[in-house]
Amino acid sequence: VQLQAFGGGLVQAGDSLRLSCAASGRTVDYYAMAWFRQAPEKVREFVAGISRISNRPYYGDSVKGRFTISRDNAKNTVYLQMSSLKPEDTAVYYCAARELVVWTSASQYHYWGQGTEVTVSS
């Protein structure tokens, strides 16, 4: 599967933004999907994931209650709705896919999109 993430941009603290991850080559319902982010000089961080069959969502502690991950199989796209954005959310956001279950470790994901940059100003 090939993944393409888009929707990033420059926003102000408190704003909302929706990221999209479009898949091609195979349908997203075949995979557990996730969003990670990486800020400069920091390790890649798990943001959210959605399981393959039940669509159960998982969230990193820093985004719980503010971000929502969802999947639209008809559009072959996974979304990350981000609300109440904070400057510390500034990072490059990546979508990723793996077979079977959601993992919070980036090393467990086999497929990656190219990343979309989100900058939150204070």
PDB file of N, CA and C in Angstrom:
ATOM      1  N   VAL A   1       0.844  -1.181   0.000  1.00  0.00           N
ATOM      2  CA  VAL A   1       0.000   0.000   0.000  1.00  0.00           C
ATOM      3  C   VAL A   1       0.888   1.243   0.000  1.00  0.00           C
ATOM      4  N   GLN A   2       0.426   2.258  -0.714  1.00  0.00           N
ATOM      5  CA  GLN A   2       1.111   3.553  -0.709  1.00  0.00           C
ATOM      6  C   GLN A   2       0.234   4.546   0.037  1.00  0.00           C
ATOM      7  N   LEU A   3       0.858   5.341   0.861  1.00  0.00           N
ATOM      8  CA  LEU A   3       0.142   6.287   1.699  1.00  0.00           C
ATOM      9  C   LEU A   3       0.587   7.707   1.389  1.00  0.00           C
ATOM     10  N   GLN A   4      -0.358   8.599   1.383  1.00  0.00           N
ATOM     11  CA  GLN A   4      -0.057  10.006   1.168  1.00  0.00           C
ATOM     12  C   GLN A   4      -0.804  10.836   2.191  1.00  0.00           C
ATOM     13  N   ALA A   5      -0.046  11.526   3.021  1.00  0.00           N
ATOM     14  CA  ALA A   5      -0.630  12.372   4.056  1.00  0.00           C
ATOM     15  C   ALA A   5      -0.669  13.813   3.585  1.00  0.00           C
ATOM     16  N   PHE A   6      -1.729  14.494   3.899  1.00  0.00           N
ATOM     17  CA  PHE A   6      -1.833  15.917   3.564  1.00  0.00           C
ATOM     18  C   PHE A   6      -2.804  16.591   4.516  1.00  0.00           C
ATOM     19  N   GLY A   7      -2.837  17.904   4.445  1.00  0.00           N
ATOM     20  CA  GLY A   7      -3.740  18.675   5.283  1.00  0.00           C
ATOM     21  C   GLY A   7      -3.044  19.517   6.336  1.00  0.00           C
ATOM     22  N   GLY A   8      -1.729  19.415   6.441  1.00  0.00           N
ATOM     23  CA  GLY A   8      -1.014  20.208   7.419  1.00  0.00           C
ATOM     24  C   GLY A   8      -1.009  21.675   7.062  1.00  0.00           C
ATOM     25  N   GLY A   9      -0.536  22.473   7.991  1.00  0.00           N
ATOM     26  CA  GLY A   9      -0.467  23.902   7.748  1.00  0.00           C
ATOM     27  C   GLY A   9      -0.092  24.649   8.995  1.00  0.00           C
ATOM     28  N   LEU A  10      -0.193  25.961   8.907  1.00  0.00           N
ATOM     29  CA  LEU A  10       0.109  26.860  10.016  1.00  0.00           C
ATOM     30  C   LEU A  10      -1.208  27.332  10.625  1.00  0.00           C
ATOM     31  N   VAL A  11      -1.379  27.071  11.909  1.00  0.00           N
ATOM     32  CA  VAL A  11      -2.590  27.477  12.612  1.00  0.00           C
ATOM     33  C   VAL A  11      -2.204  28.119  13.932  1.00  0.00           C
ATOM     34  N   GLN A  12      -3.189  28.708  14.578  1.00  0.00           N
ATOM     35  CA  GLN A  12      -2.963  29.312  15.881  1.00  0.00           C
ATOM     36  C   GLN A  12      -3.411  28.360  16.992  1.00  0.00           C
ATOM     37  N   ALA A  13      -2.860  28.589  18.156  1.00  0.00           N
ATOM     38  CA  ALA A  13      -3.247  27.776  19.305  1.00  0.00           C
ATOM     39  C   ALA A  13      -4.764  27.870  19.511  1.00  0.00           C
ATOM     40  N   GLY A  14      -5.372  26.703  19.761  1.00  0.00           N
ATOM     41  CA  GLY A  14      -6.813  26.641  19.934  1.00  0.00           C
ATOM     42  C   GLY A  14      -7.582  26.301  18.683  1.00  0.00           C
ATOM     43  N   ASP A  15      -6.929  26.390  17.543  1.00  0.00           N
ATOM     44  CA  ASP A  15      -7.578  26.079  16.268  1.00  0.00           C
ATOM     45  C   ASP A  15      -7.724  24.575  16.074  1.00  0.00           C
ATOM     46  N   SER A  16      -8.443  24.230  15.019  1.00  0.00           N
ATOM     47  CA  SER A  16      -8.610  22.835  14.624  1.00  0.00           C
ATOM     48  C   SER A  16      -8.033  22.627  13.234  1.00  0.00           C
ATOM     49  N   LEU A  17      -7.693  21.380  12.964  1.00  0.00           N
ATOM     50  CA  LEU A  17      -7.124  21.029  11.660  1.00  0.00           C
ATOM     51  C   LEU A  17      -7.409  19.552  11.427  1.00  0.00           C
ATOM     52  N   ARG A  18      -7.687  19.205  10.177  1.00  0.00           N
ATOM     53  CA  ARG A  18      -7.917  17.797   9.861  1.00  0.00           C
ATOM     54  C   ARG A  18      -6.858  17.308   8.880  1.00  0.00           C
ATOM     55  N   LEU A  19      -6.181  16.263   9.254  1.00  0.00           N
ATOM     56  CA  LEU A  19      -5.220  15.621   8.373  1.00  0.00           C
ATOM     57  C   LEU A  19      -5.873  14.428   7.685  1.00  0.00           C
ATOM     58  N   SER A  20      -5.445  14.184   6.474  1.00  0.00           N
ATOM     59  CA  SER A  20      -5.948  13.046   5.713  1.00  0.00           C
ATOM     60  C   SER A  20      -4.800  12.153   5.284  1.00  0.00           C
ATOM     61  N   CYS A  21      -5.074  10.892   5.217  1.00  0.00           N
ATOM     62  CA  CYS A  21      -4.096   9.916   4.731  1.00  0.00           C
ATOM     63  C   CYS A  21      -4.795   9.071   3.673  1.00  0.00           C
ATOM     64  N   ALA A  22      -4.455   9.310   2.430  1.00  0.00           N
ATOM     65  CA  ALA A  22      -5.071   8.594   1.324  1.00  0.00           C
ATOM     66  C   ALA A  22      -4.216   7.390   0.954  1.00  0.00           C
ATOM     67  N   ALA A  23      -4.876   6.276   0.777  1.00  0.00           N
ATOM     68  CA  ALA A  23      -4.157   5.039   0.457  1.00  0.00           C
ATOM     69  C   ALA A  23      -4.432   4.620  -0.978  1.00  0.00           C
ATOM     70  N   SER A  24      -3.458   3.984  -1.555  1.00  0.00           N
ATOM     71  CA  SER A  24      -3.624   3.403  -2.884  1.00  0.00           C
ATOM     72  C   SER A  24      -2.884   2.073  -2.902  1.00  0.00           C
ATOM     73  N   GLY A  25      -3.310   1.230  -3.781  1.00  0.00           N
ATOM     74  CA  GLY A  25      -2.669  -0.080  -3.900  1.00  0.00           C
ATOM     75  C   GLY A  25      -3.372  -1.159  -3.111  1.00  0.00           C
ATOM     76  N   ARG A  26      -3.934  -0.781  -1.997  1.00  0.00           N
ATOM     77  CA  ARG A  26      -4.703  -1.717  -1.192  1.00  0.00           C
ATOM     78  C   ARG A  26      -5.619  -0.889  -0.306  1.00  0.00           C
ATOM     79  N   THR A  27      -6.763  -1.453   0.063  1.00  0.00           N
ATOM     80  CA  THR A  27      -7.718  -0.669   0.838  1.00  0.00           C
ATOM     81  C   THR A  27      -7.297  -0.552   2.294  1.00  0.00           C
ATOM     82  N   VAL A  28      -7.625   0.568   2.911  1.00  0.00           N
ATOM     83  CA  VAL A  28      -7.202   0.820   4.286  1.00  0.00           C
ATOM     84  C   VAL A  28      -7.844  -0.138   5.269  1.00  0.00           C
ATOM     85  N   ASP A  29      -8.978  -0.741   4.896  1.00  0.00           N
ATOM     86  CA  ASP A  29      -9.624  -1.641   5.854  1.00  0.00           C
ATOM     87  C   ASP A  29      -8.849  -2.942   6.030  1.00  0.00           C
ATOM     88  N   TYR A  30      -7.825  -3.119   5.247  1.00  0.00           N
ATOM     89  CA  TYR A  30      -6.975  -4.298   5.400  1.00  0.00           C
ATOM     90  C   TYR A  30      -5.949  -4.113   6.517  1.00  0.00           C
ATOM     91  N   TYR A  31      -5.749  -2.865   6.942  1.00  0.00           N
ATOM     92  CA  TYR A  31      -4.663  -2.546   7.852  1.00  0.00           C
ATOM     93  C   TYR A  31      -5.124  -1.913   9.146  1.00  0.00           C
ATOM     94  N   ALA A  32      -4.308  -2.055  10.161  1.00  0.00           N
ATOM     95  CA  ALA A  32      -4.372  -1.164  11.308  1.00  0.00           C
ATOM     96  C   ALA A  32      -3.625   0.098  10.882  1.00  0.00           C
ATOM     97  N   MET A  33      -4.251   1.235  11.100  1.00  0.00           N
ATOM     98  CA  MET A  33      -3.693   2.499  10.648  1.00  0.00           C
ATOM     99  C   MET A  33      -3.323   3.358  11.846  1.00  0.00           C
ATOM    100  N   ALA A  34      -2.346   4.215  11.670  1.00  0.00           N
ATOM    101  CA  ALA A  34      -1.910   5.057  12.782  1.00  0.00           C
ATOM    102  C   ALA A  34      -1.353   6.370  12.270  1.00  0.00           C
ATOM    103  N   TRP A  35      -1.341   7.328  13.182  1.00  0.00           N
ATOM    104  CA  TRP A  35      -0.658   8.597  12.960  1.00  0.00           C
ATOM    105  C   TRP A  35       0.455   8.717  13.993  1.00  0.00           C
ATOM    106  N   PHE A  36       1.600   9.134  13.516  1.00  0.00           N
ATOM    107  CA  PHE A  36       2.741   9.459  14.360  1.00  0.00           C
ATOM    108  C   PHE A  36       3.145  10.902  14.077  1.00  0.00           C
ATOM    109  N   ARG A  37       3.929  11.452  14.956  1.00  0.00           N
ATOM    110  CA  ARG A  37       4.472  12.784  14.693  1.00  0.00           C
ATOM    111  C   ARG A  37       5.899  12.849  15.189  1.00  0.00           C
ATOM    112  N   GLN A  38       6.633  13.745  14.593  1.00  0.00           N
ATOM    113  CA  GLN A  38       8.028  13.930  14.975  1.00  0.00           C
ATOM    114  C   GLN A  38       8.379  15.401  14.936  1.00  0.00           C
ATOM    115  N   ALA A  39       8.716  15.915  16.098  1.00  0.00           N
ATOM    116  CA  ALA A  39       9.179  17.285  16.212  1.00  0.00           C
ATOM    117  C   ALA A  39      10.699  17.303  16.051  1.00  0.00           C
ATOM    118  N   PRO A  40      11.268  18.459  15.720  1.00  0.00           N
ATOM    119  CA  PRO A  40      12.725  18.532  15.554  1.00  0.00           C
ATOM    120  C   PRO A  40      13.473  18.026  16.772  1.00  0.00           C
ATOM    121  N   GLU A  41      14.440  17.157  16.536  1.00  0.00           N
ATOM    122  CA  GLU A  41      15.321  16.607  17.574  1.00  0.00           C
ATOM    123  C   GLU A  41      14.574  15.755  18.586  1.00  0.00           C
ATOM    124  N   LYS A  42      13.418  15.253  18.206  1.00  0.00           N
ATOM    125  CA  LYS A  42      12.673  14.368  19.102  1.00  0.00           C
ATOM    126  C   LYS A  42      12.381  13.058  18.389  1.00  0.00           C
ATOM    127  N   VAL A  43      12.072  12.044  19.156  1.00  0.00           N
ATOM    128  CA  VAL A  43      11.748  10.751  18.569  1.00  0.00           C
ATOM    129  C   VAL A  43      10.337  10.779  18.007  1.00  0.00           C
ATOM    130  N   ARG A  44      10.095   9.876  17.091  1.00  0.00           N
ATOM    131  CA  ARG A  44       8.767   9.783  16.505  1.00  0.00           C
ATOM    132  C   ARG A  44       7.786   9.265  17.562  1.00  0.00           C
ATOM    133  N   GLU A  45       6.683   9.961  17.701  1.00  0.00           N
ATOM    134  CA  GLU A  45       5.726   9.739  18.784  1.00  0.00           C
ATOM    135  C   GLU A  45       4.415   9.207  18.241  1.00  0.00           C
ATOM    136  N   PHE A  46       3.861   8.203  18.892  1.00  0.00           N
ATOM    137  CA  PHE A  46       2.545   7.692  18.538  1.00  0.00           C
ATOM    138  C   PHE A  46       1.480   8.724  18.897  1.00  0.00           C
ATOM    139  N   VAL A  47       0.625   9.025  17.956  1.00  0.00           N
ATOM    140  CA  VAL A  47      -0.449   9.993  18.177  1.00  0.00           C
ATOM    141  C   VAL A  47      -1.793   9.289  18.311  1.00  0.00           C
ATOM    142  N   ALA A  48      -2.123   8.472  17.327  1.00  0.00           N
ATOM    143  CA  ALA A  48      -3.417   7.790  17.328  1.00  0.00           C
ATOM    144  C   ALA A  48      -3.351   6.598  16.392  1.00  0.00           C
ATOM    145  N   GLY A  49      -4.189   5.619  16.682  1.00  0.00           N
ATOM    146  CA  GLY A  49      -4.292   4.446  15.824  1.00  0.00           C
ATOM    147  C   GLY A  49      -5.722   3.957  15.788  1.00  0.00           C
ATOM    148  N   ILE A  50      -6.037   3.208  14.751  1.00  0.00           N
ATOM    149  CA  ILE A  50      -7.377   2.647  14.611  1.00  0.00           C
ATOM    150  C   ILE A  50      -7.234   1.208  14.149  1.00  0.00           C
ATOM    151  N   SER A  51      -7.929   0.338  14.845  1.00  0.00           N
ATOM    152  CA  SER A  51      -7.741  -1.091  14.585  1.00  0.00           C
ATOM    153  C   SER A  51      -8.390  -1.486  13.278  1.00  0.00           C
ATOM    154  N   ARG A  52      -7.985  -2.636  12.812  1.00  0.00           N
ATOM    155  CA  ARG A  52      -8.380  -3.057  11.473  1.00  0.00           C
ATOM    156  C   ARG A  52      -9.848  -3.436  11.381  1.00  0.00           C
ATOM    157  N   ILE A  53     -10.349  -4.229  12.279  1.00  0.00           N
ATOM    158  CA  ILE A  53     -11.687  -4.806  12.136  1.00  0.00           C
ATOM    159  C   ILE A  53     -12.730  -4.028  12.933  1.00  0.00           C
ATOM    160  N   SER A  54     -12.436  -3.778  14.202  1.00  0.00           N
ATOM    161  CA  SER A  54     -13.433  -3.140  15.066  1.00  0.00           C
ATOM    162  C   SER A  54     -13.425  -1.625  14.959  1.00  0.00           C
ATOM    163  N   ASN A  55     -12.405  -1.063  14.317  1.00  0.00           N
ATOM    164  CA  ASN A  55     -12.237   0.393  14.248  1.00  0.00           C
ATOM    165  C   ASN A  55     -12.096   1.019  15.628  1.00  0.00           C
ATOM    166  N   ARG A  56     -11.607   0.268  16.564  1.00  0.00           N
ATOM    167  CA  ARG A  56     -11.366   0.820  17.892  1.00  0.00           C
ATOM    168  C   ARG A  56     -10.214   1.813  17.812  1.00  0.00           C
ATOM    169  N   PRO A  57     -10.408   3.011  18.379  1.00  0.00           N
ATOM    170  CA  PRO A  57      -9.332   4.003  18.346  1.00  0.00           C
ATOM    171  C   PRO A  57      -8.406   3.897  19.561  1.00  0.00           C
ATOM    172  N   TYR A  58      -7.180   4.307  19.359  1.00  0.00           N
ATOM    173  CA  TYR A  58      -6.183   4.380  20.426  1.00  0.00           C
ATOM    174  C   TYR A  58      -5.521   5.756  20.312  1.00  0.00           C
ATOM    175  N   TYR A  59      -5.176   6.340  21.467  1.00  0.00           N
ATOM    176  CA  TYR A  59      -4.599   7.672  21.457  1.00  0.00           C
ATOM    177  C   TYR A  59      -3.404   7.759  22.378  1.00  0.00           C
ATOM    178  N   GLY A  60      -2.445   8.562  21.975  1.00  0.00           N
ATOM    179  CA  GLY A  60      -1.370   8.901  22.872  1.00  0.00           C
ATOM    180  C   GLY A  60      -1.882   9.807  23.987  1.00  0.00           C
ATOM    181  N   ASP A  61      -1.227   9.759  25.118  1.00  0.00           N
ATOM    182  CA  ASP A  61      -1.706  10.515  26.279  1.00  0.00           C
ATOM    183  C   ASP A  61      -1.776  12.010  26.008  1.00  0.00           C
ATOM    184  N   SER A  62      -0.873  12.507  25.217  1.00  0.00           N
ATOM    185  CA  SER A  62      -0.808  13.958  25.008  1.00  0.00           C
ATOM    186  C   SER A  62      -1.929  14.492  24.121  1.00  0.00           C
ATOM    187  N   VAL A  63      -2.655  13.620  23.440  1.00  0.00           N
ATOM    188  CA  VAL A  63      -3.695  14.088  22.529  1.00  0.00           C
ATOM    189  C   VAL A  63      -5.080  13.593  22.904  1.00  0.00           C
ATOM    190  N   LYS A  64      -5.200  12.781  23.935  1.00  0.00           N
ATOM    191  CA  LYS A  64      -6.503  12.255  24.330  1.00  0.00           C
ATOM    192  C   LYS A  64      -7.470  13.389  24.630  1.00  0.00           C
ATOM    193  N   GLY A  65      -8.668  13.239  24.084  1.00  0.00           N
ATOM    194  CA  GLY A  65      -9.690  14.251  24.297  1.00  0.00           C
ATOM    195  C   GLY A  65      -9.624  15.415  23.325  1.00  0.00           C
ATOM    196  N   ARG A  66      -8.544  15.485  22.534  1.00  0.00           N
ATOM    197  CA  ARG A  66      -8.409  16.599  21.579  1.00  0.00           C
ATOM    198  C   ARG A  66      -8.375  16.110  20.134  1.00  0.00           C
ATOM    199  N   PHE A  67      -7.835  14.946  19.923  1.00  0.00           N
ATOM    200  CA  PHE A  67      -7.697  14.403  18.572  1.00  0.00           C
ATOM    201  C   PHE A  67      -8.637  13.217  18.388  1.00  0.00           C
ATOM    202  N   THR A  68      -9.090  13.043  17.157  1.00  0.00           N
ATOM    203  CA  THR A  68      -9.955  11.920  16.823  1.00  0.00           C
ATOM    204  C   THR A  68      -9.475  11.283  15.521  1.00  0.00           C
ATOM    205  N   ILE A  69      -9.284   9.984  15.549  1.00  0.00           N
ATOM    206  CA  ILE A  69      -8.908   9.263  14.344  1.00  0.00           C
ATOM    207  C   ILE A  69     -10.132   8.539  13.809  1.00  0.00           C
ATOM    208  N   SER A  70     -10.242   8.528  12.493  1.00  0.00           N
ATOM    209  CA  SER A  70     -11.375   7.842  11.872  1.00  0.00           C
ATOM    210  C   SER A  70     -10.948   7.284  10.522  1.00  0.00           C
ATOM    211  N   ARG A  71     -11.777   6.413  10.019  1.00  0.00           N
ATOM    212  CA  ARG A  71     -11.465   5.743   8.755  1.00  0.00           C
ATOM    213  C   ARG A  71     -12.693   5.794   7.847  1.00  0.00           C
ATOM    214  N   ASP A  72     -12.512   6.137   6.604  1.00  0.00           N
ATOM    215  CA  ASP A  72     -13.575   6.100   5.607  1.00  0.00           C
ATOM    216  C   ASP A  72     -13.151   5.096   4.539  1.00  0.00           C
ATOM    217  N   ASN A  73     -13.688   3.901   4.641  1.00  0.00           N
ATOM    218  CA  ASN A  73     -13.268   2.848   3.706  1.00  0.00           C
ATOM    219  C   ASN A  73     -13.689   3.152   2.271  1.00  0.00           C
ATOM    220  N   ALA A  74     -14.832   3.811   2.111  1.00  0.00           N
ATOM    221  CA  ALA A  74     -15.303   4.131   0.763  1.00  0.00           C
ATOM    222  C   ALA A  74     -14.335   5.081   0.054  1.00  0.00           C
ATOM    223  N   LYS A  75     -13.715   5.967   0.813  1.00  0.00           N
ATOM    224  CA  LYS A  75     -12.750   6.912   0.239  1.00  0.00           C
ATOM    225  C   LYS A  75     -11.315   6.416   0.389  1.00  0.00           C
ATOM    226  N   ASN A  76     -11.171   5.276   1.036  1.00  0.00           N
ATOM    227  CA  ASN A  76      -9.836   4.706   1.259  1.00  0.00           C
ATOM    228  C   ASN A  76      -8.906   5.711   1.943  1.00  0.00           C
ATOM    229  N   THR A  77      -9.455   6.339   2.961  1.00  0.00           N
ATOM    230  CA  THR A  77      -8.748   7.427   3.626  1.00  0.00           C
ATOM    231  C   THR A  77      -8.913   7.323   5.134  1.00  0.00           C
ATOM    232  N   VAL A  78      -7.865   7.682   5.826  1.00  0.00           N
ATOM    233  CA  VAL A  78      -7.891   7.780   7.283  1.00  0.00           C
ATOM    234  C   VAL A  78      -7.687   9.241   7.646  1.00  0.00           C
ATOM    235  N   TYR A  79      -8.407   9.687   8.651  1.00  0.00           N
ATOM    236  CA  TYR A  79      -8.358  11.090   9.054  1.00  0.00           C
ATOM    237  C   TYR A  79      -7.844  11.228  10.485  1.00  0.00           C
ATOM    238  N   LEU A  80      -7.286  12.391  10.735  1.00  0.00           N
ATOM    239  CA  LEU A  80      -6.950  12.777  12.095  1.00  0.00           C
ATOM    240  C   LEU A  80      -7.511  14.172  12.310  1.00  0.00           C
ATOM    241  N   GLN A  81      -8.590  14.248  13.063  1.00  0.00           N
ATOM    242  CA  GLN A  81      -9.192  15.530  13.404  1.00  0.00           C
ATOM    243  C   GLN A  81      -8.518  16.037  14.664  1.00  0.00           C
ATOM    244  N   MET A  82      -7.900  17.193  14.559  1.00  0.00           N
ATOM    245  CA  MET A  82      -7.162  17.766  15.679  1.00  0.00           C
ATOM    246  C   MET A  82      -7.858  19.039  16.144  1.00  0.00           C
ATOM    247  N   SER A  83      -8.152  19.098  17.413  1.00  0.00           N
ATOM    248  CA  SER A  83      -8.823  20.253  17.992  1.00  0.00           C
ATOM    249  C   SER A  83      -8.000  20.786  19.158  1.00  0.00           C
ATOM    250  N   SER A  84      -8.324  21.997  19.552  1.00  0.00           N
ATOM    251  CA  SER A  84      -7.633  22.636  20.682  1.00  0.00           C
ATOM    252  C   SER A  84      -6.121  22.495  20.542  1.00  0.00           C
ATOM    253  N   LEU A  85      -5.633  22.825  19.377  1.00  0.00           N
ATOM    254  CA  LEU A  85      -4.211  22.633  19.105  1.00  0.00           C
ATOM    255  C   LEU A  85      -3.347  23.514  19.993  1.00  0.00           C
ATOM    256  N   LYS A  86      -2.194  22.972  20.344  1.00  0.00           N
ATOM    257  CA  LYS A  86      -1.236  23.649  21.209  1.00  0.00           C
ATOM    258  C   LYS A  86       0.095  23.787  20.466  1.00  0.00           C
ATOM    259  N   PRO A  87       0.912  24.730  20.845  1.00  0.00           N
ATOM    260  CA  PRO A  87       2.219  24.854  20.202  1.00  0.00           C
ATOM    261  C   PRO A  87       3.037  23.556  20.275  1.00  0.00           C
ATOM    262  N   GLU A  88       2.866  22.804  21.326  1.00  0.00           N
ATOM    263  CA  GLU A  88       3.620  21.549  21.452  1.00  0.00           C
ATOM    264  C   GLU A  88       3.133  20.452  20.497  1.00  0.00           C
ATOM    265  N   ASP A  89       2.047  20.715  19.781  1.00  0.00           N
ATOM    266  CA  ASP A  89       1.603  19.791  18.738  1.00  0.00           C
ATOM    267  C   ASP A  89       2.359  20.015  17.435  1.00  0.00           C
ATOM    268  N   THR A  90       3.165  21.017  17.386  1.00  0.00           N
ATOM    269  CA  THR A  90       3.943  21.311  16.183  1.00  0.00           C
ATOM    270  C   THR A  90       4.889  20.153  15.876  1.00  0.00           C
ATOM    271  N   ALA A  91       4.767  19.628  14.663  1.00  0.00           N
ATOM    272  CA  ALA A  91       5.572  18.478  14.251  1.00  0.00           C
ATOM    273  C   ALA A  91       5.249  18.127  12.809  1.00  0.00           C
ATOM    274  N   VAL A  92       6.027  17.208  12.274  1.00  0.00           N
ATOM    275  CA  VAL A  92       5.651  16.571  11.014  1.00  0.00           C
ATOM    276  C   VAL A  92       4.834  15.335  11.376  1.00  0.00           C
ATOM    277  N   TYR A  93       3.667  15.233  10.775  1.00  0.00           N
ATOM    278  CA  TYR A  93       2.764  14.135  11.061  1.00  0.00           C
ATOM    279  C   TYR A  93       2.830  13.105   9.930  1.00  0.00           C
ATOM    280  N   TYR A  94       2.934  11.852  10.334  1.00  0.00           N
ATOM    281  CA  TYR A  94       3.041  10.756   9.387  1.00  0.00           C
ATOM    282  C   TYR A  94       1.901   9.769   9.603  1.00  0.00           C
ATOM    283  N   CYS A  95       1.366   9.254   8.517  1.00  0.00           N
ATOM    284  CA  CYS A  95       0.443   8.136   8.653  1.00  0.00           C
ATOM    285  C   CYS A  95       1.201   6.849   8.346  1.00  0.00           C
ATOM    286  N   ALA A  96       0.726   5.783   8.961  1.00  0.00           N
ATOM    287  CA  ALA A  96       1.418   4.506   8.835  1.00  0.00           C
ATOM    288  C   ALA A  96       0.405   3.371   8.855  1.00  0.00           C
ATOM    289  N   ALA A  97       0.811   2.251   8.317  1.00  0.00           N
ATOM    290  CA  ALA A  97      -0.069   1.084   8.254  1.00  0.00           C
ATOM    291  C   ALA A  97       0.711  -0.174   8.597  1.00  0.00           C
ATOM    292  N   ARG A  98       0.012  -1.081   9.205  1.00  0.00           N
ATOM    293  CA  ARG A  98       0.584  -2.398   9.454  1.00  0.00           C
ATOM    294  C   ARG A  98      -0.552  -3.406   9.449  1.00  0.00           C
ATOM    295  N   GLU A  99      -0.208  -4.629   9.192  1.00  0.00           N
ATOM    296  CA  GLU A  99      -1.220  -5.674   9.245  1.00  0.00           C
ATOM    297  C   GLU A  99      -1.534  -6.014  10.699  1.00  0.00           C
ATOM    298  N   LEU A 100      -2.690  -6.528  10.925  1.00  0.00           N
ATOM    299  CA  LEU A 100      -3.155  -6.993  12.228  1.00  0.00           C
ATOM    300  C   LEU A 100      -3.439  -5.801  13.156  1.00  0.00           C
ATOM    301  N   VAL A 101      -2.771  -5.731  14.285  1.00  0.00           N
ATOM    302  CA  VAL A 101      -3.215  -4.831  15.345  1.00  0.00           C
ATOM    303  C   VAL A 101      -2.415  -3.541  15.397  1.00  0.00           C
ATOM    304  N   VAL A 102      -2.979  -2.574  16.131  1.00  0.00           N
ATOM    305  CA  VAL A 102      -2.315  -1.299  16.343  1.00  0.00           C
ATOM    306  C   VAL A 102      -1.175  -1.486  17.341  1.00  0.00           C
ATOM    307  N   TRP A 103      -0.018  -0.910  17.014  1.00  0.00           N
ATOM    308  CA  TRP A 103       1.096  -0.826  17.949  1.00  0.00           C
ATOM    309  C   TRP A 103       1.430   0.645  18.125  1.00  0.00           C
ATOM    310  N   THR A 104       1.963   0.968  19.299  1.00  0.00           N
ATOM    311  CA  THR A 104       2.366   2.347  19.531  1.00  0.00           C
ATOM    312  C   THR A 104       3.814   2.599  19.152  1.00  0.00           C
ATOM    313  N   SER A 105       4.519   1.568  18.749  1.00  0.00           N
ATOM    314  CA  SER A 105       5.924   1.708  18.365  1.00  0.00           C
ATOM    315  C   SER A 105       6.045   1.870  16.861  1.00  0.00           C
ATOM    316  N   ALA A 106       6.733   2.919  16.453  1.00  0.00           N
ATOM    317  CA  ALA A 106       6.881   3.195  15.029  1.00  0.00           C
ATOM    318  C   ALA A 106       7.605   2.064  14.306  1.00  0.00           C
ATOM    319  N   SER A 107       8.468   1.371  14.991  1.00  0.00           N
ATOM    320  CA  SER A 107       9.254   0.317  14.355  1.00  0.00           C
ATOM    321  C   SER A 107       8.397  -0.859  13.907  1.00  0.00           C
ATOM    322  N   GLN A 108       7.179  -0.928  14.388  1.00  0.00           N
ATOM    323  CA  GLN A 108       6.281  -2.036  14.047  1.00  0.00           C
ATOM    324  C   GLN A 108       5.472  -1.773  12.772  1.00  0.00           C
ATOM    325  N   TYR A 109       5.618  -0.620  12.205  1.00  0.00           N
ATOM    326  CA  TYR A 109       4.828  -0.265  11.023  1.00  0.00           C
ATOM    327  C   TYR A 109       5.654  -0.449   9.753  1.00  0.00           C
ATOM    328  N   HIS A 110       5.005  -1.039   8.761  1.00  0.00           N
ATOM    329  CA  HIS A 110       5.713  -1.404   7.549  1.00  0.00           C
ATOM    330  C   HIS A 110       5.571  -0.375   6.434  1.00  0.00           C
ATOM    331  N   TYR A 111       4.504   0.415   6.498  1.00  0.00           N
ATOM    332  CA  TYR A 111       4.207   1.341   5.420  1.00  0.00           C
ATOM    333  C   TYR A 111       4.036   2.737   5.986  1.00  0.00           C
ATOM    334  N   TRP A 112       4.623   3.706   5.290  1.00  0.00           N
ATOM    335  CA  TRP A 112       4.618   5.081   5.770  1.00  0.00           C
ATOM    336  C   TRP A 112       4.294   6.045   4.643  1.00  0.00           C
ATOM    337  N   GLY A 113       3.554   7.094   5.024  1.00  0.00           N
ATOM    338  CA  GLY A 113       3.377   8.204   4.120  1.00  0.00           C
ATOM    339  C   GLY A 113       4.541   9.166   4.254  1.00  0.00           C
ATOM    340  N   GLN A 114       4.538  10.205   3.457  1.00  0.00           N
ATOM    341  CA  GLN A 114       5.678  11.110   3.391  1.00  0.00           C
ATOM    342  C   GLN A 114       5.671  12.188   4.459  1.00  0.00           C
ATOM    343  N   GLY A 115       4.601  12.366   5.175  1.00  0.00           N
ATOM    344  CA  GLY A 115       4.566  13.369   6.230  1.00  0.00           C
ATOM    345  C   GLY A 115       3.954  14.672   5.780  1.00  0.00           C
ATOM    346  N   THR A 116       3.252  15.308   6.691  1.00  0.00           N
ATOM    347  CA  THR A 116       2.693  16.640   6.464  1.00  0.00           C
ATOM    348  C   THR A 116       2.964  17.478   7.702  1.00  0.00           C
ATOM    349  N   GLU A 117       3.403  18.689   7.494  1.00  0.00           N
ATOM    350  CA  GLU A 117       3.879  19.525   8.594  1.00  0.00           C
ATOM    351  C   GLU A 117       2.749  20.337   9.201  1.00  0.00           C
ATOM    352  N   VAL A 118       2.699  20.304  10.513  1.00  0.00           N
ATOM    353  CA  VAL A 118       1.736  21.105  11.271  1.00  0.00           C
ATOM    354  C   VAL A 118       2.516  22.049  12.176  1.00  0.00           C
ATOM    355  N   THR A 119       2.205  23.331  12.083  1.00  0.00           N
ATOM    356  CA  THR A 119       2.831  24.329  12.930  1.00  0.00           C
ATOM    357  C   THR A 119       1.741  25.078  13.673  1.00  0.00           C
ATOM    358  N   VAL A 120       1.852  25.084  14.996  1.00  0.00           N
ATOM    359  CA  VAL A 120       0.867  25.768  15.826  1.00  0.00           C
ATOM    360  C   VAL A 120       1.551  26.935  16.508  1.00  0.00           C
ATOM    361  N   SER A 121       1.099  28.132  16.202  1.00  0.00           N
ATOM    362  CA  SER A 121       1.681  29.326  16.792  1.00  0.00           C
ATOM    363  C   SER A 121       0.933  29.701  18.062  1.00  0.00           C
ATOM    364  N   SER A 122       1.654  30.299  18.988  1.00  0.00           N
ATOM    365  CA  SER A 122       1.031  30.682  20.272  1.00  0.00           C
ATOM    366  C   SER A 122       0.419  32.053  20.198  1.00  0.00           C
TER     367      SER A 122
END
